[in-house]
N, C-alpha and C. Protein backbone atom coordinates (compact mmCIF):
# COMPACT_ATOMS: atom_id res chain seq x y z
N UNK A 1 122.16 42.39 106.42
CA UNK A 1 122.73 42.64 104.81
C UNK A 1 121.43 42.46 104.30
N UNK A 2 120.63 41.15 104.60
CA UNK A 2 119.54 40.86 103.93
C UNK A 2 118.20 41.55 104.41
N UNK A 3 118.17 42.08 105.44
CA UNK A 3 117.11 42.74 105.50
C UNK A 3 117.14 44.35 104.58
N UNK A 4 118.45 45.13 104.63
CA UNK A 4 118.93 45.81 103.87
C UNK A 4 118.54 45.69 102.25
N UNK A 5 119.04 44.72 102.07
CA UNK A 5 118.44 44.45 100.85
C UNK A 5 117.31 44.08 100.16
N UNK A 6 116.28 43.96 101.41
CA UNK A 6 115.20 43.76 101.04
C UNK A 6 114.47 45.18 101.09
N UNK A 7 115.00 46.39 101.70
CA UNK A 7 114.57 47.75 101.61
C UNK A 7 114.97 48.25 100.45
N UNK A 8 116.16 47.89 99.91
CA UNK A 8 116.79 48.19 98.15
C UNK A 8 115.87 47.75 97.25
N UNK A 9 115.19 46.73 97.40
CA UNK A 9 114.35 46.21 96.34
C UNK A 9 113.13 46.86 96.59
N UNK A 10 112.44 47.37 97.46
CA UNK A 10 111.40 48.28 97.72
C UNK A 10 111.70 49.51 97.02
N UNK A 11 112.93 50.08 97.43
CA UNK A 11 113.12 51.31 97.10
C UNK A 11 113.16 51.55 95.72
N UNK A 12 113.90 50.41 94.90
CA UNK A 12 113.93 50.07 93.53
C UNK A 12 112.75 50.35 92.95
N UNK A 13 111.45 49.48 93.45
CA UNK A 13 110.22 49.65 92.83
C UNK A 13 109.39 50.77 93.16
N UNK A 14 109.68 51.50 94.04
CA UNK A 14 109.00 52.77 94.53
C UNK A 14 109.53 53.48 93.35
N UNK A 15 110.74 53.69 93.30
CA UNK A 15 111.32 54.85 92.07
C UNK A 15 110.91 54.53 90.34
N UNK A 16 110.83 53.03 90.30
CA UNK A 16 110.48 52.64 89.28
C UNK A 16 108.82 53.31 88.85
N UNK A 17 108.04 53.51 89.86
CA UNK A 17 106.48 53.80 89.79
C UNK A 17 106.42 55.51 90.06
N UNK A 18 107.45 56.37 90.14
CA UNK A 18 107.45 57.53 90.49
C UNK A 18 107.19 57.86 91.75
N UNK A 19 107.56 57.12 92.97
CA UNK A 19 107.03 57.76 94.22
C UNK A 19 108.43 58.34 94.99
N UNK A 20 108.41 59.75 94.96
CA UNK A 20 109.43 60.45 95.56
C UNK A 20 109.87 60.04 97.04
N UNK A 21 111.21 60.45 97.18
CA UNK A 21 111.46 60.01 98.44
C UNK A 21 110.81 60.68 100.16
N UNK A 22 110.35 60.02 101.06
CA UNK A 22 109.79 60.97 101.56
C UNK A 22 110.66 61.66 102.65
N UNK A 23 109.65 62.79 103.10
CA UNK A 23 110.11 64.05 103.73
C UNK A 23 110.31 63.80 105.26
N UNK A 24 111.19 64.52 106.07
CA UNK A 24 111.53 64.75 107.29
C UNK A 24 113.04 64.44 107.46
N UNK A 25 113.57 64.16 106.31
CA UNK A 25 115.13 63.87 106.40
C UNK A 25 115.98 65.06 105.80
N UNK A 26 117.47 65.01 106.12
CA UNK A 26 118.13 64.25 107.19
C UNK A 26 117.77 64.17 108.48
N UNK A 27 118.81 63.46 109.10
CA UNK A 27 118.95 63.18 110.57
C UNK A 27 120.16 64.18 111.18
N UNK A 28 120.04 64.53 112.37
CA UNK A 28 120.79 65.18 112.98
C UNK A 28 122.34 64.43 113.07
N UNK A 29 122.33 63.64 112.92
CA UNK A 29 123.15 62.41 113.21
C UNK A 29 124.28 61.94 111.84
N UNK A 30 123.76 62.63 110.55
CA UNK A 30 123.93 62.38 109.53
C UNK A 30 125.54 62.88 109.37
N UNK A 31 126.02 63.88 110.17
CA UNK A 31 127.11 64.49 109.96
C UNK A 31 128.21 63.75 110.86
N UNK A 32 127.76 62.85 111.55
CA UNK A 32 128.83 62.24 112.66
C UNK A 32 129.26 61.06 111.65
N UNK A 33 128.06 60.46 111.26
CA UNK A 33 128.19 59.15 110.65
C UNK A 33 129.17 59.26 109.21
N UNK A 34 129.19 60.29 108.65
CA UNK A 34 130.19 60.75 107.56
C UNK A 34 131.69 60.40 108.19
N UNK A 35 131.94 60.40 109.21
CA UNK A 35 133.24 60.31 109.80
C UNK A 35 133.47 59.01 110.40
N UNK A 36 132.70 58.27 110.51
CA UNK A 36 132.81 56.61 110.64
C UNK A 36 133.10 55.72 109.59
N UNK A 37 133.21 54.60 110.02
CA UNK A 37 133.74 53.52 109.03
C UNK A 37 132.70 53.26 108.31
N UNK A 38 132.89 52.89 107.02
CA UNK A 38 131.79 52.28 106.15
C UNK A 38 130.75 53.48 105.87
N UNK A 39 130.62 53.61 104.12
CA UNK A 39 129.73 54.57 103.65
C UNK A 39 128.05 54.17 103.93
N UNK A 40 127.53 55.15 104.05
CA UNK A 40 125.65 54.70 104.29
C UNK A 40 125.28 54.85 103.05
N UNK A 41 124.15 53.53 102.66
CA UNK A 41 123.35 53.51 101.59
C UNK A 41 122.26 54.62 101.63
N UNK A 42 122.54 55.64 100.81
CA UNK A 42 121.61 56.60 100.44
C UNK A 42 120.42 56.14 100.00
N UNK A 43 120.64 54.68 99.03
CA UNK A 43 119.46 54.33 98.60
C UNK A 43 118.26 53.42 99.18
N UNK A 44 118.85 53.18 100.44
CA UNK A 44 117.89 52.44 101.40
C UNK A 44 117.90 53.37 102.60
N UNK A 45 118.02 54.73 102.40
CA UNK A 45 117.92 55.88 103.31
C UNK A 45 118.67 55.42 105.07
N UNK A 46 119.60 54.60 104.79
CA UNK A 46 120.33 54.44 105.72
C UNK A 46 120.98 55.51 106.64
N UNK A 47 120.61 55.71 107.93
CA UNK A 47 120.96 56.70 108.81
C UNK A 47 121.63 55.88 110.05
N UNK A 48 122.70 56.82 110.76
CA UNK A 48 122.85 56.65 112.49
C UNK A 48 122.01 56.87 113.31
N UNK A 49 121.72 56.22 114.10
CA UNK A 49 120.52 56.62 114.76
C UNK A 49 121.24 55.80 116.31
N UNK A 50 120.53 56.31 117.76
CA UNK A 50 120.69 55.93 118.87
C UNK A 50 119.89 55.18 119.67
N UNK A 51 120.19 54.02 120.71
CA UNK A 51 119.14 53.24 121.29
C UNK A 51 119.52 53.30 122.86
N UNK A 52 119.04 53.86 123.61
CA UNK A 52 119.15 53.71 124.81
C UNK A 52 118.45 52.43 125.77
N UNK A 53 119.29 51.89 126.29
CA UNK A 53 118.71 50.57 126.75
C UNK A 53 119.53 50.51 128.45
N UNK A 54 118.86 49.31 129.24
CA UNK A 54 119.68 49.30 130.25
C UNK A 54 120.51 48.23 130.26
N UNK A 55 121.38 48.12 131.41
CA UNK A 55 122.18 47.05 131.34
C UNK A 55 122.13 45.97 131.58
N UNK A 56 121.17 45.37 131.79
CA UNK A 56 120.20 43.79 131.31
C UNK A 56 120.12 43.43 130.38
N UNK A 57 119.90 44.69 129.43
CA UNK A 57 119.11 44.17 128.21
C UNK A 57 120.71 44.35 127.05
N UNK A 58 121.36 44.96 127.77
CA UNK A 58 122.54 45.23 126.50
C UNK A 58 123.44 43.96 125.90
N UNK A 59 123.72 43.24 126.93
CA UNK A 59 124.38 41.72 126.07
C UNK A 59 123.30 40.99 125.37
N UNK A 60 122.26 41.03 125.62
CA UNK A 60 121.19 40.26 124.49
C UNK A 60 121.07 41.28 123.43
N UNK A 61 121.31 42.16 123.15
CA UNK A 61 121.08 43.48 122.27
C UNK A 61 122.06 43.23 121.25
N UNK A 62 123.19 43.07 121.94
CA UNK A 62 124.95 42.79 120.99
C UNK A 62 124.79 41.87 120.43
N UNK A 63 124.32 40.51 121.19
CA UNK A 63 124.19 39.04 120.82
C UNK A 63 123.09 39.12 119.57
N UNK A 64 122.13 39.36 119.63
CA UNK A 64 120.71 38.99 118.91
C UNK A 64 120.17 40.25 118.14
N UNK A 65 120.57 41.44 118.58
CA UNK A 65 120.11 42.55 117.95
C UNK A 65 118.79 43.11 118.64
N UNK A 66 118.20 44.10 118.18
CA UNK A 66 116.71 44.52 118.91
C UNK A 66 115.78 44.05 118.65
N UNK A 67 114.87 43.89 119.13
CA UNK A 67 113.73 42.57 119.04
C UNK A 67 112.40 43.67 119.13
N UNK A 68 111.73 44.19 118.00
CA UNK A 68 110.38 44.44 118.49
C UNK A 68 109.40 43.94 118.93
N UNK A 69 109.48 42.75 119.17
CA UNK A 69 108.37 41.87 119.86
C UNK A 69 108.50 42.00 121.56
N UNK A 70 110.04 42.85 121.85
CA UNK A 70 109.62 43.37 123.52
C UNK A 70 109.40 44.33 123.54
N UNK A 71 109.00 45.13 122.61
CA UNK A 71 109.08 46.76 122.69
C UNK A 71 107.77 46.76 122.30
N UNK A 72 107.30 48.51 122.76
CA UNK A 72 105.79 49.01 122.77
C UNK A 72 106.17 50.27 123.15
N UNK A 73 104.94 51.41 122.66
CA UNK A 73 104.86 52.39 123.15
C UNK A 73 104.21 53.39 122.75
N UNK A 74 104.25 54.46 122.68
CA UNK A 74 102.86 55.42 122.12
C UNK A 74 102.62 55.24 120.62
N UNK A 75 103.58 54.92 119.70
CA UNK A 75 103.91 54.74 118.49
C UNK A 75 103.83 53.09 117.87
N UNK A 76 103.16 52.33 118.83
CA UNK A 76 103.13 50.80 118.21
C UNK A 76 104.87 50.16 118.82
N UNK A 77 104.29 48.76 118.30
CA UNK A 77 105.22 47.75 118.70
C UNK A 77 106.27 47.84 118.02
N UNK A 78 107.32 48.40 118.06
CA UNK A 78 108.61 48.57 117.36
C UNK A 78 109.86 48.78 118.40
N UNK A 79 110.86 48.95 117.63
CA UNK A 79 111.99 49.50 118.26
C UNK A 79 112.20 50.85 118.03
N UNK A 80 112.08 51.56 119.25
CA UNK A 80 112.82 53.05 118.99
C UNK A 80 113.78 53.50 119.21
N UNK A 81 114.20 54.59 118.27
CA UNK A 81 115.31 55.12 118.29
C UNK A 81 115.73 56.29 118.11
N UNK A 82 116.68 57.03 118.52
CA UNK A 82 116.60 58.86 118.49
C UNK A 82 117.75 59.05 117.65
N UNK A 83 117.65 60.60 117.34
CA UNK A 83 118.88 61.15 116.81
C UNK A 83 119.88 62.30 117.73
N UNK A 84 119.06 62.21 118.58
CA UNK A 84 119.51 63.14 120.13
C UNK A 84 119.54 62.10 121.26
N UNK A 85 120.74 62.44 121.54
CA UNK A 85 121.07 61.44 122.90
C UNK A 85 120.16 62.11 124.15
N UNK A 86 119.77 63.18 124.04
CA UNK A 86 119.17 63.69 125.07
C UNK A 86 117.65 62.77 125.39
N UNK A 87 117.30 62.34 124.21
CA UNK A 87 115.91 61.71 124.20
C UNK A 87 116.27 60.12 124.57
N UNK A 88 117.60 59.37 124.18
CA UNK A 88 117.93 58.22 124.58
C UNK A 88 118.06 58.15 126.37
N UNK A 89 118.71 59.15 126.61
CA UNK A 89 119.00 59.28 128.07
C UNK A 89 117.88 59.08 129.14
N UNK A 90 116.30 59.18 128.53
CA UNK A 90 115.43 59.16 129.33
C UNK A 90 115.29 57.68 129.62
N UNK A 91 115.89 57.01 128.58
CA UNK A 91 115.27 55.38 128.91
C UNK A 91 116.38 54.57 129.75
N UNK A 92 117.74 54.95 129.79
CA UNK A 92 118.65 54.41 130.58
C UNK A 92 118.65 53.92 131.76
N UNK A 93 119.20 53.08 132.32
CA UNK A 93 119.34 53.07 133.70
C UNK A 93 121.02 52.80 134.09
N UNK A 94 121.32 53.24 135.23
CA UNK A 94 122.65 53.14 135.78
C UNK A 94 123.19 51.84 135.79
N UNK A 95 124.57 51.43 135.73
CA UNK A 95 125.36 50.55 135.83
C UNK A 95 126.31 50.87 136.68
N UNK A 96 126.13 50.52 138.12
CA UNK A 96 126.88 51.07 139.29
C UNK A 96 128.35 50.83 139.42
N UNK A 97 128.70 49.26 139.49
CA UNK A 97 130.12 48.91 139.20
C UNK A 97 130.38 47.43 138.84
N UNK A 98 131.65 47.44 138.86
CA UNK A 98 131.93 45.99 138.21
C UNK A 98 131.65 44.72 139.09
N UNK A 99 130.97 43.87 138.15
CA UNK A 99 130.37 42.62 139.26
C UNK A 99 130.93 41.43 138.74
N UNK A 100 131.64 40.86 139.33
CA UNK A 100 132.38 39.50 138.91
C UNK A 100 131.44 38.49 138.69
N UNK A 101 131.69 37.64 137.62
CA UNK A 101 130.79 36.96 137.19
C UNK A 101 129.93 37.42 136.10
N UNK A 102 129.69 38.74 136.04
CA UNK A 102 128.79 39.33 134.63
C UNK A 102 129.44 38.98 133.41
N UNK A 103 128.59 38.38 132.69
CA UNK A 103 128.86 38.25 131.27
C UNK A 103 129.38 39.68 130.67
N UNK A 104 128.47 40.52 130.78
CA UNK A 104 128.80 41.74 130.05
C UNK A 104 129.83 42.53 130.26
N UNK A 105 129.99 42.25 131.92
CA UNK A 105 131.28 43.40 132.20
C UNK A 105 132.71 42.41 132.10
N UNK A 106 132.37 40.89 131.79
CA UNK A 106 133.30 40.30 131.12
C UNK A 106 134.39 40.69 130.03
N UNK A 107 133.27 41.05 129.12
CA UNK A 107 133.25 41.09 127.73
C UNK A 107 133.63 42.58 127.59
N UNK A 108 133.05 43.62 128.27
CA UNK A 108 133.48 45.09 128.23
C UNK A 108 134.52 45.68 128.79
N UNK A 109 135.12 45.19 130.27
CA UNK A 109 136.07 45.44 131.03
C UNK A 109 136.99 44.78 131.37
N UNK A 110 137.39 43.27 130.92
CA UNK A 110 138.13 42.53 131.22
C UNK A 110 139.42 43.08 130.92
N UNK A 111 139.95 43.69 130.18
CA UNK A 111 141.22 44.46 129.53
C UNK A 111 141.27 45.64 130.85
N UNK A 112 142.49 45.54 131.21
CA UNK A 112 142.82 46.84 131.79
C UNK A 112 142.91 47.87 131.74
N UNK A 113 143.21 48.19 130.40
CA UNK A 113 143.19 49.27 129.87
C UNK A 113 141.58 49.90 130.03
N UNK A 114 140.75 49.19 129.93
CA UNK A 114 139.15 49.43 130.07
C UNK A 114 138.68 49.16 131.62
N UNK A 115 138.70 49.57 132.38
CA UNK A 115 138.12 49.23 133.78
C UNK A 115 136.55 50.01 133.88
N UNK A 116 136.07 49.31 134.44
CA UNK A 116 134.36 49.71 134.75
C UNK A 116 134.82 50.96 135.58
N UNK A 117 134.21 52.27 134.86
CA UNK A 117 134.25 53.43 135.32
C UNK A 117 133.19 53.78 136.67
N UNK A 118 132.18 53.16 136.51
CA UNK A 118 131.65 53.28 138.31
C UNK A 118 130.21 54.31 137.52
N UNK A 119 129.00 53.77 138.09
CA UNK A 119 127.79 54.75 137.65
C UNK A 119 127.94 55.26 135.92
N UNK A 120 127.56 54.00 135.06
CA UNK A 120 127.92 54.45 133.69
C UNK A 120 126.75 54.11 133.06
N UNK A 121 126.34 54.58 131.59
CA UNK A 121 125.15 54.20 131.10
C UNK A 121 125.56 54.01 129.84
N UNK A 122 124.45 53.61 128.68
CA UNK A 122 124.80 52.75 127.72
C UNK A 122 124.00 53.30 126.99
N UNK A 123 124.71 53.60 125.25
CA UNK A 123 123.71 53.66 124.37
C UNK A 123 124.55 52.97 123.12
N UNK A 124 123.33 52.26 122.44
CA UNK A 124 123.65 51.60 121.35
C UNK A 124 123.69 52.71 120.02
N UNK A 125 124.76 52.73 119.33
CA UNK A 125 124.56 53.40 117.80
C UNK A 125 124.34 52.42 117.08
N UNK A 126 123.29 52.48 116.06
CA UNK A 126 122.74 51.64 115.14
C UNK A 126 122.92 52.18 113.52
N UNK A 127 123.19 51.28 112.69
CA UNK A 127 122.95 51.59 111.38
C UNK A 127 121.67 51.00 110.97
N UNK A 128 120.76 52.16 110.76
CA UNK A 128 119.19 51.67 110.53
C UNK A 128 118.60 52.48 108.84
N UNK A 129 118.25 51.24 108.49
CA UNK A 129 117.93 51.28 106.68
C UNK A 129 116.33 51.75 106.90
N UNK A 130 115.87 53.37 106.93
CA UNK A 130 114.70 53.92 107.08
C UNK A 130 114.12 53.58 105.75
N UNK A 131 114.36 53.19 104.82
CA UNK A 131 113.54 52.93 103.42
C UNK A 131 112.93 54.15 102.95
N UNK A 132 111.45 54.24 102.91
CA UNK A 132 110.30 55.00 102.59
C UNK A 132 109.64 55.20 104.09
N UNK A 133 109.89 56.14 104.86
CA UNK A 133 109.40 56.29 106.31
C UNK A 133 108.25 57.01 105.98
N UNK A 134 107.23 56.75 106.79
CA UNK A 134 105.97 57.53 107.20
C UNK A 134 105.99 58.50 108.44
N UNK A 135 105.23 59.65 108.37
CA UNK A 135 105.43 60.65 109.67
C UNK A 135 104.16 60.58 110.12
N UNK A 136 104.28 60.81 111.78
CA UNK A 136 102.81 61.51 112.05
C UNK A 136 103.30 62.15 113.51
N UNK A 137 102.28 62.75 113.95
CA UNK A 137 102.67 63.50 115.15
C UNK A 137 101.61 63.11 116.38
N UNK A 138 100.50 62.39 116.03
CA UNK A 138 99.64 61.85 116.95
C UNK A 138 99.55 60.46 117.15
N UNK A 139 100.19 59.67 116.34
CA UNK A 139 100.73 57.88 116.35
C UNK A 139 99.48 57.48 115.66
N UNK A 140 97.92 58.06 115.11
CA UNK A 140 97.16 57.18 113.86
C UNK A 140 97.25 57.98 112.95
N UNK A 141 97.29 59.00 112.94
CA UNK A 141 97.29 59.43 110.97
C UNK A 141 98.65 60.03 110.60
N UNK A 142 98.69 59.83 109.25
CA UNK A 142 99.87 60.36 108.63
C UNK A 142 99.94 61.89 108.22
N UNK A 143 100.97 62.17 108.84
CA UNK A 143 101.47 63.73 108.76
C UNK A 143 101.97 64.07 107.20
N UNK A 144 101.54 64.71 106.59
CA UNK A 144 100.53 66.16 107.17
C UNK A 144 99.22 65.61 107.17
N UNK A 145 98.47 66.10 107.88
CA UNK A 145 97.04 65.99 108.35
C UNK A 145 96.12 66.17 106.85
N UNK A 146 96.60 66.36 105.72
CA UNK A 146 95.83 67.00 104.79
C UNK A 146 95.54 65.12 104.22
N UNK A 147 96.54 64.60 104.32
CA UNK A 147 96.17 63.30 103.85
C UNK A 147 95.48 62.26 104.23
N UNK A 148 95.34 62.11 106.04
CA UNK A 148 94.24 61.68 105.96
C UNK A 148 93.99 60.37 106.51
N UNK A 149 95.26 59.74 105.98
CA UNK A 149 95.20 58.36 106.00
C UNK A 149 95.93 57.58 107.31
N UNK A 150 95.59 56.34 108.00
CA UNK A 150 96.24 55.95 108.89
C UNK A 150 97.52 55.35 108.95
N UNK A 151 98.58 55.46 110.00
CA UNK A 151 99.82 55.20 110.04
C UNK A 151 99.82 53.77 109.85
N UNK A 152 98.90 53.09 110.63
CA UNK A 152 99.28 51.39 110.46
C UNK A 152 98.41 50.68 109.90
N UNK A 153 98.81 49.42 109.14
CA UNK A 153 97.84 48.92 108.02
C UNK A 153 97.19 47.65 109.03
N UNK A 154 96.96 47.80 110.54
CA UNK A 154 95.70 47.16 111.21
C UNK A 154 95.62 48.17 112.58
N UNK A 155 94.87 46.86 113.45
CA UNK A 155 94.71 47.74 114.76
C UNK A 155 95.92 47.25 115.67
N UNK A 156 96.88 46.26 115.34
CA UNK A 156 97.56 46.01 116.27
C UNK A 156 98.72 46.74 116.61
N UNK A 157 98.83 47.81 115.28
CA UNK A 157 99.93 48.46 115.32
C UNK A 157 101.56 48.21 115.40
N UNK A 158 101.41 46.94 114.44
CA UNK A 158 102.75 45.92 114.35
C UNK A 158 103.25 46.35 112.78
N UNK A 159 102.31 46.92 111.97
CA UNK A 159 102.78 46.62 110.78
C UNK A 159 102.43 48.06 110.21
N UNK A 160 103.39 48.87 109.40
CA UNK A 160 102.91 50.15 109.00
C UNK A 160 102.05 50.24 107.65
N UNK A 161 101.38 51.27 107.37
CA UNK A 161 100.38 51.38 106.14
C UNK A 161 101.23 51.04 104.88
N UNK A 162 100.60 50.95 103.79
CA UNK A 162 101.56 50.83 102.46
C UNK A 162 101.42 52.48 101.68
N UNK A 163 102.50 52.04 101.07
CA UNK A 163 103.12 53.60 100.35
C UNK A 163 101.78 53.71 99.25
N UNK A 164 101.74 55.25 99.26
CA UNK A 164 101.04 55.69 98.04
C UNK A 164 101.70 56.85 97.35
N UNK A 165 101.37 56.64 96.02
CA UNK A 165 102.26 57.39 95.42
C UNK A 165 101.16 58.78 94.47
N UNK A 166 101.27 59.38 93.57
CA UNK A 166 100.39 60.42 92.94
C UNK A 166 99.04 60.02 92.82
N UNK A 167 99.29 58.48 92.54
CA UNK A 167 98.32 57.97 91.47
C UNK A 167 97.66 56.97 92.29
N UNK A 168 97.81 56.94 93.65
CA UNK A 168 97.19 55.89 94.72
C UNK A 168 98.10 55.03 94.97
N UNK A 169 97.88 53.94 95.70
CA UNK A 169 98.40 52.81 96.45
C UNK A 169 99.29 52.07 95.28
N UNK A 170 100.92 52.18 95.42
CA UNK A 170 101.99 51.36 94.46
C UNK A 170 101.40 49.77 94.35
N UNK A 171 101.65 49.29 93.46
CA UNK A 171 101.22 47.89 93.04
C UNK A 171 102.56 47.14 92.53
N UNK A 172 103.18 45.82 93.22
CA UNK A 172 102.39 45.32 94.23
C UNK A 172 102.64 46.12 95.41
N UNK A 173 101.47 45.95 96.58
CA UNK A 173 101.73 46.77 97.93
C UNK A 173 103.11 46.61 98.21
N UNK A 174 103.70 47.81 98.73
CA UNK A 174 104.98 47.74 99.65
C UNK A 174 104.43 48.83 101.08
N UNK A 175 105.07 48.10 102.02
CA UNK A 175 104.66 48.78 103.42
C UNK A 175 105.66 49.65 103.74
N UNK A 176 105.41 50.86 104.18
CA UNK A 176 106.48 51.96 104.79
C UNK A 176 107.06 50.96 105.49
N UNK A 177 108.82 51.51 105.82
CA UNK A 177 109.61 50.67 106.11
C UNK A 177 109.97 51.33 107.66
N UNK A 178 109.46 52.59 108.00
CA UNK A 178 109.88 52.85 109.32
C UNK A 178 108.93 54.36 109.68
N UNK A 179 108.82 54.52 110.92
CA UNK A 179 107.91 55.62 111.17
C UNK A 179 108.72 56.82 112.10
N UNK A 180 108.29 58.21 111.40
CA UNK A 180 109.20 59.43 112.14
C UNK A 180 108.16 59.92 112.80
N UNK A 181 108.17 59.49 114.01
CA UNK A 181 107.05 60.16 115.04
C UNK A 181 107.65 62.26 115.62
N UNK A 182 107.00 62.78 114.96
CA UNK A 182 107.58 64.52 114.81
C UNK A 182 107.14 65.01 115.84
N UNK A 183 107.79 66.26 116.46
CA UNK A 183 107.35 66.82 117.50
C UNK A 183 106.22 67.80 117.03
N UNK A 184 105.50 68.28 118.10
CA UNK A 184 104.18 69.21 118.04
C UNK A 184 103.18 68.58 118.55
N UNK A 185 103.24 67.11 118.54
CA UNK A 185 101.89 66.43 118.53
C UNK A 185 101.99 65.63 120.48
N UNK A 186 102.48 64.39 120.40
CA UNK A 186 102.56 63.79 121.38
C UNK A 186 103.74 64.07 121.91
N UNK A 187 104.58 64.29 120.98
CA UNK A 187 106.24 64.38 121.54
C UNK A 187 106.34 66.17 121.47
N UNK A 188 106.98 66.50 122.55
CA UNK A 188 107.27 68.05 122.91
C UNK A 188 108.61 68.41 122.51
N UNK A 189 109.90 67.56 122.49
CA UNK A 189 111.21 67.83 122.44
C UNK A 189 111.89 67.22 121.21
N UNK A 190 111.82 66.16 121.29
CA UNK A 190 112.86 65.00 120.21
C UNK A 190 111.83 64.01 119.78
N UNK A 191 112.31 64.03 118.00
CA UNK A 191 111.45 63.11 117.54
C UNK A 191 111.99 62.09 117.45
N UNK A 192 111.51 60.93 117.36
CA UNK A 192 111.53 59.49 117.27
C UNK A 192 111.47 58.65 116.06
N UNK A 193 112.39 57.75 115.91
CA UNK A 193 112.20 56.95 114.85
C UNK A 193 111.81 55.38 115.30
N UNK A 194 110.80 54.93 114.61
CA UNK A 194 110.49 53.48 115.43
C UNK A 194 110.42 52.62 113.82
N UNK A 195 110.80 51.46 114.13
CA UNK A 195 111.31 50.32 113.27
C UNK A 195 110.40 49.12 113.53
N UNK A 196 109.59 48.67 112.92
CA UNK A 196 108.95 47.53 113.01
C UNK A 196 109.42 46.24 112.61
N UNK A 197 110.49 46.11 112.05
CA UNK A 197 111.34 44.71 111.44
C UNK A 197 112.57 44.93 111.79
N UNK A 198 113.21 44.24 112.88
CA UNK A 198 114.48 44.43 113.65
C UNK A 198 115.65 44.30 112.81
N UNK A 199 115.33 43.08 111.55
CA UNK A 199 116.28 42.89 110.40
C UNK A 199 116.87 44.35 109.78
N UNK A 200 116.34 45.39 110.08
CA UNK A 200 116.46 47.11 109.11
C UNK A 200 117.63 47.64 110.05
N UNK A 201 117.96 47.02 111.25
CA UNK A 201 118.79 47.79 112.51
C UNK A 201 119.90 46.93 112.51
N UNK A 202 121.08 47.43 112.48
CA UNK A 202 122.24 47.10 113.02
C UNK A 202 123.43 47.58 114.00
N UNK A 203 123.29 46.70 115.35
CA UNK A 203 123.79 47.59 116.19
C UNK A 203 125.42 47.78 115.88
N UNK A 204 126.19 48.94 116.04
CA UNK A 204 127.30 49.11 115.51
C UNK A 204 128.38 49.00 116.45
N UNK A 205 127.98 50.17 117.18
CA UNK A 205 128.99 50.80 118.45
C UNK A 205 127.86 50.60 119.68
N UNK A 206 129.22 50.63 120.95
CA UNK A 206 128.19 50.84 122.24
C UNK A 206 129.20 52.27 122.72
N UNK A 207 128.20 52.84 123.13
CA UNK A 207 128.69 53.95 124.06
C UNK A 207 128.54 54.10 125.41
N UNK A 208 129.59 54.41 126.05
CA UNK A 208 129.24 54.03 127.53
C UNK A 208 129.79 55.62 128.46
N UNK A 209 128.99 56.00 128.73
CA UNK A 209 129.09 57.39 129.13
C UNK A 209 128.74 57.81 131.03
N UNK A 210 129.04 58.90 131.35
CA UNK A 210 128.29 58.98 132.78
C UNK A 210 127.74 60.53 132.73
N UNK A 211 127.09 60.81 133.56
CA UNK A 211 125.92 61.88 133.61
C UNK A 211 126.95 63.41 134.18
N UNK A 212 126.75 64.01 133.72
CA UNK A 212 127.44 65.66 134.47
C UNK A 212 126.38 66.34 134.89
N UNK A 213 126.41 66.04 136.16
CA UNK A 213 125.58 66.91 137.36
C UNK A 213 125.23 68.14 136.84
N UNK A 214 126.68 69.27 136.65
CA UNK A 214 126.73 70.47 136.52
C UNK A 214 126.81 71.02 137.85
N UNK A 215 126.97 70.39 139.28
CA UNK A 215 126.81 71.08 140.39
C UNK A 215 128.21 71.63 140.79
N UNK A 216 128.31 72.51 141.40
CA UNK A 216 129.75 73.50 141.60
C UNK A 216 129.67 72.84 143.47
N UNK A 217 131.08 72.86 143.62
CA UNK A 217 131.44 72.60 145.24
C UNK A 217 131.23 74.20 145.68
N UNK A 218 131.64 74.72 147.20
CA UNK A 218 131.15 75.61 147.95
C UNK A 218 132.33 76.43 147.02
N UNK A 219 132.15 77.76 147.13
CA UNK A 219 133.04 78.70 146.64
C UNK A 219 133.73 79.39 147.83
């Protein structure tokens, strides 16, 4: 809530300075989010996104939240999320079977009604305050290309550039709250959402799923 309140304060300042909402939204998951408990804060550009993770990391994320300090990729040192489960499925690893003594398994499968199904994968459904996102296709320049500005505030790729309105940079400076990596550049199929401050992300649900091979037996 503290992180979202910061986003809300920034969005109020941007609105008063006449900065329009960023393009590139809504997300594919908006329709599903409307059926989940708790309303989405449109004034914080709050959306539901997915994060694929490994079984060894799941308990730490559920306990402490996502941590951008342990993350990195083509689009900087942030927490990576997606609106399409097909993208997240690229980053998961299998949880083969129930292990006695596993703290994660004790929390998820201790009840008899939810036994470990074997060969399961995990996605985390997160509430994310995207605020005023910035878009890119090549990880360096703001999209559309006519803008010609750098995505990041420095060379470390840990903080996004400041927001600009029609009359130039807003005052006092406000950094973009999230990055939308669009398809057509370094990404071919699924766009990604990168957040560089983990307090803008709230892990709310865990999805445990199995892959369907689609193979048929002998005819």
